[in-house]
PDB file of all heavy atoms in Angstrom:
ATOM      1  N   ARG A   1       0.859  -1.207   0.018  1.00  0.00           N
ATOM      2  CA  ARG A   1       0.011   0.017  -0.024  1.00  0.00           C
ATOM      3  C   ARG A   1       0.829   1.261  -0.015  1.00  0.00           C
ATOM      4  O   ARG A   1       0.520   2.225  -0.673  1.00  0.00           O
ATOM      5  CB  ARG A   1      -0.915  -0.054   1.223  1.00  0.00           C
ATOM      6  CG  ARG A   1      -1.956   1.071   1.198  1.00  0.00           C
ATOM      7  CD  ARG A   1      -2.835   1.082   0.016  1.00  0.00           C
ATOM      8  NE  ARG A   1      -3.842   2.107  -0.008  1.00  0.00           N
ATOM      9  CZ  ARG A   1      -4.324   2.676  -1.067  1.00  0.00           C
ATOM     10  NH1 ARG A   1      -3.839   2.307  -2.279  1.00  0.00           N
ATOM     11  NH2 ARG A   1      -5.282   3.618  -1.001  1.00  0.00           N
ATOM     12  N   MET A   2       1.961   1.249   0.749  1.00  0.00           N
ATOM     13  CA  MET A   2       2.911   2.389   0.686  1.00  0.00           C
ATOM     14  C   MET A   2       3.423   2.637  -0.693  1.00  0.00           C
ATOM     15  O   MET A   2       3.500   3.780  -1.155  1.00  0.00           O
ATOM     16  CB  MET A   2       4.041   2.194   1.671  1.00  0.00           C
ATOM     17  CG  MET A   2       3.715   2.436   3.144  1.00  0.00           C
ATOM     18  SD  MET A   2       5.294   2.531   4.111  1.00  0.00           S
ATOM     19  CE  MET A   2       4.582   3.067   5.678  1.00  0.00           C
ATOM     20  N   SER A   3       3.782   1.559  -1.351  1.00  0.00           N
ATOM     21  CA  SER A   3       4.298   1.695  -2.791  1.00  0.00           C
ATOM     22  C   SER A   3       3.257   2.258  -3.650  1.00  0.00           C
ATOM     23  O   SER A   3       3.588   2.976  -4.658  1.00  0.00           O
ATOM     24  CB  SER A   3       4.754   0.310  -3.223  1.00  0.00           C
ATOM     25  OG  SER A   3       5.788  -0.226  -2.427  1.00  0.00           O
ATOM     26  N   GLU A   4       2.011   2.001  -3.420  1.00  0.00           N
ATOM     27  CA  GLU A   4       0.892   2.520  -4.297  1.00  0.00           C
ATOM     28  C   GLU A   4       0.677   4.022  -4.023  1.00  0.00           C
ATOM     29  O   GLU A   4       0.337   4.738  -4.980  1.00  0.00           O
ATOM     30  CB  GLU A   4      -0.438   1.759  -3.992  1.00  0.00           C
ATOM     31  CG  GLU A   4      -0.394   0.297  -4.443  1.00  0.00           C
ATOM     32  CD  GLU A   4      -1.535  -0.451  -3.904  1.00  0.00           C
ATOM     33  OE1 GLU A   4      -2.293   0.060  -3.052  1.00  0.00           O
ATOM     34  OE2 GLU A   4      -1.742  -1.579  -4.404  1.00  0.00           O
ATOM     35  N   LEU A   5       0.981   4.455  -2.868  1.00  0.00           N
ATOM     36  CA  LEU A   5       0.685   5.845  -2.479  1.00  0.00           C
ATOM     37  C   LEU A   5       1.862   6.812  -2.589  1.00  0.00           C
ATOM     38  O   LEU A   5       1.643   8.020  -2.837  1.00  0.00           O
ATOM     39  CB  LEU A   5       0.075   5.929  -0.969  1.00  0.00           C
ATOM     40  CG  LEU A   5      -1.264   5.284  -0.770  1.00  0.00           C
ATOM     41  CD1 LEU A   5      -1.556   5.245   0.690  1.00  0.00           C
ATOM     42  CD2 LEU A   5      -2.367   5.962  -1.527  1.00  0.00           C
ATOM     43  N   PHE A   6       3.011   6.314  -2.358  1.00  0.00           N
ATOM     44  CA  PHE A   6       4.168   7.226  -2.203  1.00  0.00           C
ATOM     45  C   PHE A   6       5.407   6.681  -3.009  1.00  0.00           C
ATOM     46  O   PHE A   6       5.391   5.531  -3.470  1.00  0.00           O
ATOM     47  CB  PHE A   6       4.583   7.358  -0.765  1.00  0.00           C
ATOM     48  CG  PHE A   6       3.460   7.573   0.215  1.00  0.00           C
ATOM     49  CD1 PHE A   6       3.115   6.638   1.144  1.00  0.00           C
ATOM     50  CD2 PHE A   6       2.737   8.759   0.153  1.00  0.00           C
ATOM     51  CE1 PHE A   6       2.061   6.832   1.998  1.00  0.00           C
ATOM     52  CE2 PHE A   6       1.683   8.940   0.992  1.00  0.00           C
ATOM     53  CZ  PHE A   6       1.311   7.997   1.947  1.00  0.00           C
ATOM     54  N   ASN A   7       6.339   7.572  -3.147  1.00  0.00           N
ATOM     55  CA  ASN A   7       7.688   7.111  -3.729  1.00  0.00           C
ATOM     56  C   ASN A   7       8.462   6.514  -2.539  1.00  0.00           C
ATOM     57  O   ASN A   7       9.149   7.277  -1.814  1.00  0.00           O
ATOM     58  CB  ASN A   7       8.433   8.267  -4.360  1.00  0.00           C
ATOM     59  CG  ASN A   7       7.781   8.687  -5.643  1.00  0.00           C
ATOM     60  OD1 ASN A   7       7.217   7.911  -6.384  1.00  0.00           O
ATOM     61  ND2 ASN A   7       7.918   9.982  -5.940  1.00  0.00           N
ATOM     62  N   VAL A   8       8.341   5.254  -2.337  1.00  0.00           N
ATOM     63  CA  VAL A   8       8.840   4.638  -1.073  1.00  0.00           C
ATOM     64  C   VAL A   8      10.114   3.868  -1.333  1.00  0.00           C
ATOM     65  O   VAL A   8      10.304   3.173  -2.353  1.00  0.00           O
ATOM     66  CB  VAL A   8       7.761   3.780  -0.411  1.00  0.00           C
ATOM     67  CG1 VAL A   8       7.392   2.562  -1.341  1.00  0.00           C
ATOM     68  CG2 VAL A   8       8.214   3.250   0.962  1.00  0.00           C
ATOM     69  N   SER A   9      11.005   4.037  -0.426  1.00  0.00           N
ATOM     70  CA  SER A   9      12.285   3.223  -0.344  1.00  0.00           C
ATOM     71  C   SER A   9      12.131   2.202   0.750  1.00  0.00           C
ATOM     72  O   SER A   9      12.043   2.528   1.925  1.00  0.00           O
ATOM     73  CB  SER A   9      13.473   4.073  -0.130  1.00  0.00           C
ATOM     74  OG  SER A   9      14.647   3.322   0.044  1.00  0.00           O
ATOM     75  N   LEU A  10      12.071   0.906   0.380  1.00  0.00           N
ATOM     76  CA  LEU A  10      11.780  -0.179   1.299  1.00  0.00           C
ATOM     77  C   LEU A  10      13.152  -0.884   1.654  1.00  0.00           C
ATOM     78  O   LEU A  10      14.091  -0.920   0.841  1.00  0.00           O
ATOM     79  CB  LEU A  10      10.827  -1.207   0.744  1.00  0.00           C
ATOM     80  CG  LEU A  10       9.437  -0.666   0.447  1.00  0.00           C
ATOM     81  CD1 LEU A  10       8.582  -1.769  -0.272  1.00  0.00           C
ATOM     82  CD2 LEU A  10       8.661  -0.223   1.741  1.00  0.00           C
ATOM     83  N   ARG A  11      13.190  -1.447   2.860  1.00  0.00           N
ATOM     84  CA  ARG A  11      14.346  -2.197   3.232  1.00  0.00           C
ATOM     85  C   ARG A  11      14.365  -3.633   2.646  1.00  0.00           C
ATOM     86  O   ARG A  11      13.360  -4.281   2.661  1.00  0.00           O
ATOM     87  CB  ARG A  11      14.335  -2.281   4.787  1.00  0.00           C
ATOM     88  CG  ARG A  11      15.615  -2.749   5.478  1.00  0.00           C
ATOM     89  CD  ARG A  11      16.626  -1.664   5.415  1.00  0.00           C
ATOM     90  NE  ARG A  11      17.780  -2.076   6.228  1.00  0.00           N
ATOM     91  CZ  ARG A  11      18.989  -1.542   5.930  1.00  0.00           C
ATOM     92  NH1 ARG A  11      19.205  -0.734   4.966  1.00  0.00           N
ATOM     93  NH2 ARG A  11      19.991  -1.906   6.776  1.00  0.00           N
ATOM     94  N   GLU A  12      15.459  -3.972   2.065  1.00  0.00           N
ATOM     95  CA  GLU A  12      15.515  -5.270   1.365  1.00  0.00           C
ATOM     96  C   GLU A  12      15.709  -6.397   2.395  1.00  0.00           C
ATOM     97  O   GLU A  12      15.298  -7.527   2.065  1.00  0.00           O
ATOM     98  CB  GLU A  12      16.681  -5.279   0.337  1.00  0.00           C
ATOM     99  CG  GLU A  12      16.448  -4.369  -0.850  1.00  0.00           C
ATOM    100  CD  GLU A  12      17.523  -4.468  -1.950  1.00  0.00           C
ATOM    101  OE1 GLU A  12      18.394  -5.285  -1.766  1.00  0.00           O
ATOM    102  OE2 GLU A  12      17.374  -3.745  -2.967  1.00  0.00           O
ATOM    103  N   ASP A  13      16.360  -6.201   3.510  1.00  0.00           N
ATOM    104  CA  ASP A  13      16.456  -7.185   4.593  1.00  0.00           C
ATOM    105  C   ASP A  13      15.932  -6.661   5.806  1.00  0.00           C
ATOM    106  O   ASP A  13      15.575  -5.486   5.913  1.00  0.00           O
ATOM    107  CB  ASP A  13      17.893  -7.680   4.654  1.00  0.00           C
ATOM    108  CG  ASP A  13      18.870  -6.525   5.002  1.00  0.00           C
ATOM    109  OD1 ASP A  13      18.524  -5.740   5.856  1.00  0.00           O
ATOM    110  OD2 ASP A  13      19.962  -6.557   4.429  1.00  0.00           O
ATOM    111  N   ASP A  14      15.954  -7.456   6.896  1.00  0.00           N
ATOM    112  CA  ASP A  14      15.321  -7.054   8.141  1.00  0.00           C
ATOM    113  C   ASP A  14      16.386  -6.650   9.198  1.00  0.00           C
ATOM    114  O   ASP A  14      16.166  -6.730  10.317  1.00  0.00           O
ATOM    115  CB  ASP A  14      14.415  -8.165   8.664  1.00  0.00           C
ATOM    116  CG  ASP A  14      13.375  -7.572   9.669  1.00  0.00           C
ATOM    117  OD1 ASP A  14      13.058  -6.328   9.520  1.00  0.00           O
ATOM    118  OD2 ASP A  14      12.925  -8.345  10.534  1.00  0.00           O
ATOM    119  N   THR A  15      17.474  -6.165   8.686  1.00  0.00           N
ATOM    120  CA  THR A  15      18.535  -5.658   9.634  1.00  0.00           C
ATOM    121  C   THR A  15      18.294  -4.144   9.887  1.00  0.00           C
ATOM    122  O   THR A  15      17.788  -3.434   9.026  1.00  0.00           O
ATOM    123  CB  THR A  15      19.952  -5.870   9.089  1.00  0.00           C
ATOM    124  OG1 THR A  15      20.049  -5.222   7.885  1.00  0.00           O
ATOM    125  CG2 THR A  15      20.213  -7.357   8.909  1.00  0.00           C
ATOM    126  N   PRO A  16      18.653  -3.705  11.090  1.00  0.00           N
ATOM    127  CA  PRO A  16      18.503  -2.259  11.349  1.00  0.00           C
ATOM    128  C   PRO A  16      19.412  -1.379  10.459  1.00  0.00           C
ATOM    129  O   PRO A  16      20.467  -1.890  10.063  1.00  0.00           O
ATOM    130  CB  PRO A  16      18.845  -2.105  12.836  1.00  0.00           C
ATOM    131  CG  PRO A  16      18.743  -3.413  13.413  1.00  0.00           C
ATOM    132  CD  PRO A  16      19.068  -4.438  12.329  1.00  0.00           C
ATOM    133  N   MET A  17      18.980  -0.235  10.131  1.00  0.00           N
ATOM    134  CA  MET A  17      19.861   0.656   9.351  1.00  0.00           C
ATOM    135  C   MET A  17      21.040   1.118  10.261  1.00  0.00           C
ATOM    136  O   MET A  17      20.898   1.287  11.494  1.00  0.00           O
ATOM    137  CB  MET A  17      19.030   1.950   8.969  1.00  0.00           C
ATOM    138  CG  MET A  17      18.231   1.784   7.715  1.00  0.00           C
ATOM    139  SD  MET A  17      17.570   3.347   7.276  1.00  0.00           S
ATOM    140  CE  MET A  17      16.857   2.917   5.647  1.00  0.00           C
ATOM    141  N   SER A  18      22.172   1.336   9.669  1.00  0.00           N
ATOM    142  CA  SER A  18      23.295   1.927  10.345  1.00  0.00           C
ATOM    143  C   SER A  18      22.991   3.391  10.594  1.00  0.00           C
ATOM    144  O   SER A  18      22.072   3.959  10.006  1.00  0.00           O
ATOM    145  CB  SER A  18      24.537   1.794   9.560  1.00  0.00           C
ATOM    146  OG  SER A  18      24.483   2.548   8.353  1.00  0.00           O
ATOM    147  N   ARG A  19      23.743   3.985  11.440  1.00  0.00           N
ATOM    148  CA  ARG A  19      23.570   5.420  11.717  1.00  0.00           C
ATOM    149  C   ARG A  19      23.762   6.292  10.436  1.00  0.00           C
ATOM    150  O   ARG A  19      23.036   7.278  10.198  1.00  0.00           O
ATOM    151  CB  ARG A  19      24.500   5.863  12.863  1.00  0.00           C
ATOM    152  CG  ARG A  19      24.188   7.263  13.386  1.00  0.00           C
ATOM    153  CD  ARG A  19      24.860   7.525  14.674  1.00  0.00           C
ATOM    154  NE  ARG A  19      24.598   8.855  15.161  1.00  0.00           N
ATOM    155  CZ  ARG A  19      23.552   9.206  15.931  1.00  0.00           C
ATOM    156  NH1 ARG A  19      22.674   8.273  16.280  1.00  0.00           N
ATOM    157  NH2 ARG A  19      23.381  10.422  16.324  1.00  0.00           N
ATOM    158  N   GLU A  20      24.742   5.950   9.648  1.00  0.00           N
ATOM    159  CA  GLU A  20      24.966   6.634   8.387  1.00  0.00           C
ATOM    160  C   GLU A  20      23.764   6.462   7.454  1.00  0.00           C
ATOM    161  O   GLU A  20      23.428   7.423   6.756  1.00  0.00           O
ATOM    162  CB  GLU A  20      26.280   6.210   7.769  1.00  0.00           C
ATOM    163  CG  GLU A  20      26.530   6.871   6.452  1.00  0.00           C
ATOM    164  CD  GLU A  20      26.433   8.462   6.507  1.00  0.00           C
ATOM    165  OE1 GLU A  20      26.838   9.017   7.507  1.00  0.00           O
ATOM    166  OE2 GLU A  20      25.916   8.948   5.513  1.00  0.00           O
ATOM    167  N   GLU A  21      23.263   5.229   7.427  1.00  0.00           N
ATOM    168  CA  GLU A  21      22.048   5.034   6.537  1.00  0.00           C
ATOM    169  C   GLU A  21      20.871   5.876   7.015  1.00  0.00           C
ATOM    170  O   GLU A  21      20.131   6.435   6.231  1.00  0.00           O
ATOM    171  CB  GLU A  21      21.717   3.539   6.482  1.00  0.00           C
ATOM    172  CG  GLU A  21      22.636   2.673   5.728  1.00  0.00           C
ATOM    173  CD  GLU A  21      22.328   1.230   5.790  1.00  0.00           C
ATOM    174  OE1 GLU A  21      22.070   0.735   6.919  1.00  0.00           O
ATOM    175  OE2 GLU A  21      22.323   0.519   4.796  1.00  0.00           O
ATOM    176  N   LEU A  22      20.725   5.948   8.327  1.00  0.00           N
ATOM    177  CA  LEU A  22      19.611   6.792   8.856  1.00  0.00           C
ATOM    178  C   LEU A  22      19.863   8.289   8.536  1.00  0.00           C
ATOM    179  O   LEU A  22      18.911   8.991   8.116  1.00  0.00           O
ATOM    180  CB  LEU A  22      19.584   6.613  10.368  1.00  0.00           C
ATOM    181  CG  LEU A  22      18.941   5.315  10.916  1.00  0.00           C
ATOM    182  CD1 LEU A  22      19.132   5.206  12.408  1.00  0.00           C
ATOM    183  CD2 LEU A  22      17.416   5.246  10.555  1.00  0.00           C
ATOM    184  N   ALA A  23      21.123   8.711   8.634  1.00  0.00           N
ATOM    185  CA  ALA A  23      21.406  10.099   8.326  1.00  0.00           C
ATOM    186  C   ALA A  23      21.147  10.391   6.816  1.00  0.00           C
ATOM    187  O   ALA A  23      20.617  11.443   6.525  1.00  0.00           O
ATOM    188  CB  ALA A  23      22.916  10.379   8.645  1.00  0.00           C
ATOM    189  N   GLN A  24      21.483   9.499   6.008  1.00  0.00           N
ATOM    190  CA  GLN A  24      21.218   9.639   4.585  1.00  0.00           C
ATOM    191  C   GLN A  24      19.743   9.739   4.276  1.00  0.00           C
ATOM    192  O   GLN A  24      19.292  10.542   3.431  1.00  0.00           O
ATOM    193  CB  GLN A  24      21.893   8.490   3.747  1.00  0.00           C
ATOM    194  CG  GLN A  24      21.646   8.552   2.271  1.00  0.00           C
ATOM    195  CD  GLN A  24      22.258   9.784   1.607  1.00  0.00           C
ATOM    196  OE1 GLN A  24      23.119  10.401   2.172  1.00  0.00           O
ATOM    197  NE2 GLN A  24      21.716  10.099   0.362  1.00  0.00           N
ATOM    198  N   ALA A  25      18.950   8.867   4.989  1.00  0.00           N
ATOM    199  CA  ALA A  25      17.525   8.939   4.788  1.00  0.00           C
ATOM    200  C   ALA A  25      16.940  10.254   5.279  1.00  0.00           C
ATOM    201  O   ALA A  25      16.081  10.805   4.589  1.00  0.00           O
ATOM    202  CB  ALA A  25      16.913   7.778   5.624  1.00  0.00           C
ATOM    203  N   LEU A  26      17.464  10.771   6.391  1.00  0.00           N
ATOM    204  CA  LEU A  26      16.951  12.116   6.881  1.00  0.00           C
ATOM    205  C   LEU A  26      17.336  13.222   5.904  1.00  0.00           C
ATOM    206  O   LEU A  26      16.673  14.254   5.809  1.00  0.00           O
ATOM    207  CB  LEU A  26      17.564  12.390   8.205  1.00  0.00           C
ATOM    208  CG  LEU A  26      17.052  11.556   9.377  1.00  0.00           C
ATOM    209  CD1 LEU A  26      17.930  11.715  10.638  1.00  0.00           C
ATOM    210  CD2 LEU A  26      15.611  11.874   9.731  1.00  0.00           C
ATOM    211  N   ARG A  27      18.479  13.070   5.213  1.00  0.00           N
ATOM    212  CA  ARG A  27      18.909  14.125   4.219  1.00  0.00           C
ATOM    213  C   ARG A  27      18.111  14.077   2.950  1.00  0.00           C
ATOM    214  O   ARG A  27      18.083  15.124   2.258  1.00  0.00           O
ATOM    215  CB  ARG A  27      20.378  13.883   3.931  1.00  0.00           C
ATOM    216  CG  ARG A  27      21.313  14.334   5.032  1.00  0.00           C
ATOM    217  CD  ARG A  27      22.793  14.373   4.621  1.00  0.00           C
ATOM    218  NE  ARG A  27      23.316  13.055   4.305  1.00  0.00           N
ATOM    219  CZ  ARG A  27      24.071  12.291   5.169  1.00  0.00           C
ATOM    220  NH1 ARG A  27      24.357  12.842   6.357  1.00  0.00           N
ATOM    221  NH2 ARG A  27      24.573  11.151   4.823  1.00  0.00           N
TER     222      ARG A  27
END
C-alpha cells in the first residue's frame, strides 16, 4: 500500500539501518 501511495524506499532485509544510513535517509 505504501508503494501505491508514495515514492517509497523499502528495506531489502530485516537488519536495522546503520547510523549513516539513517542520516542519509533524513537528508
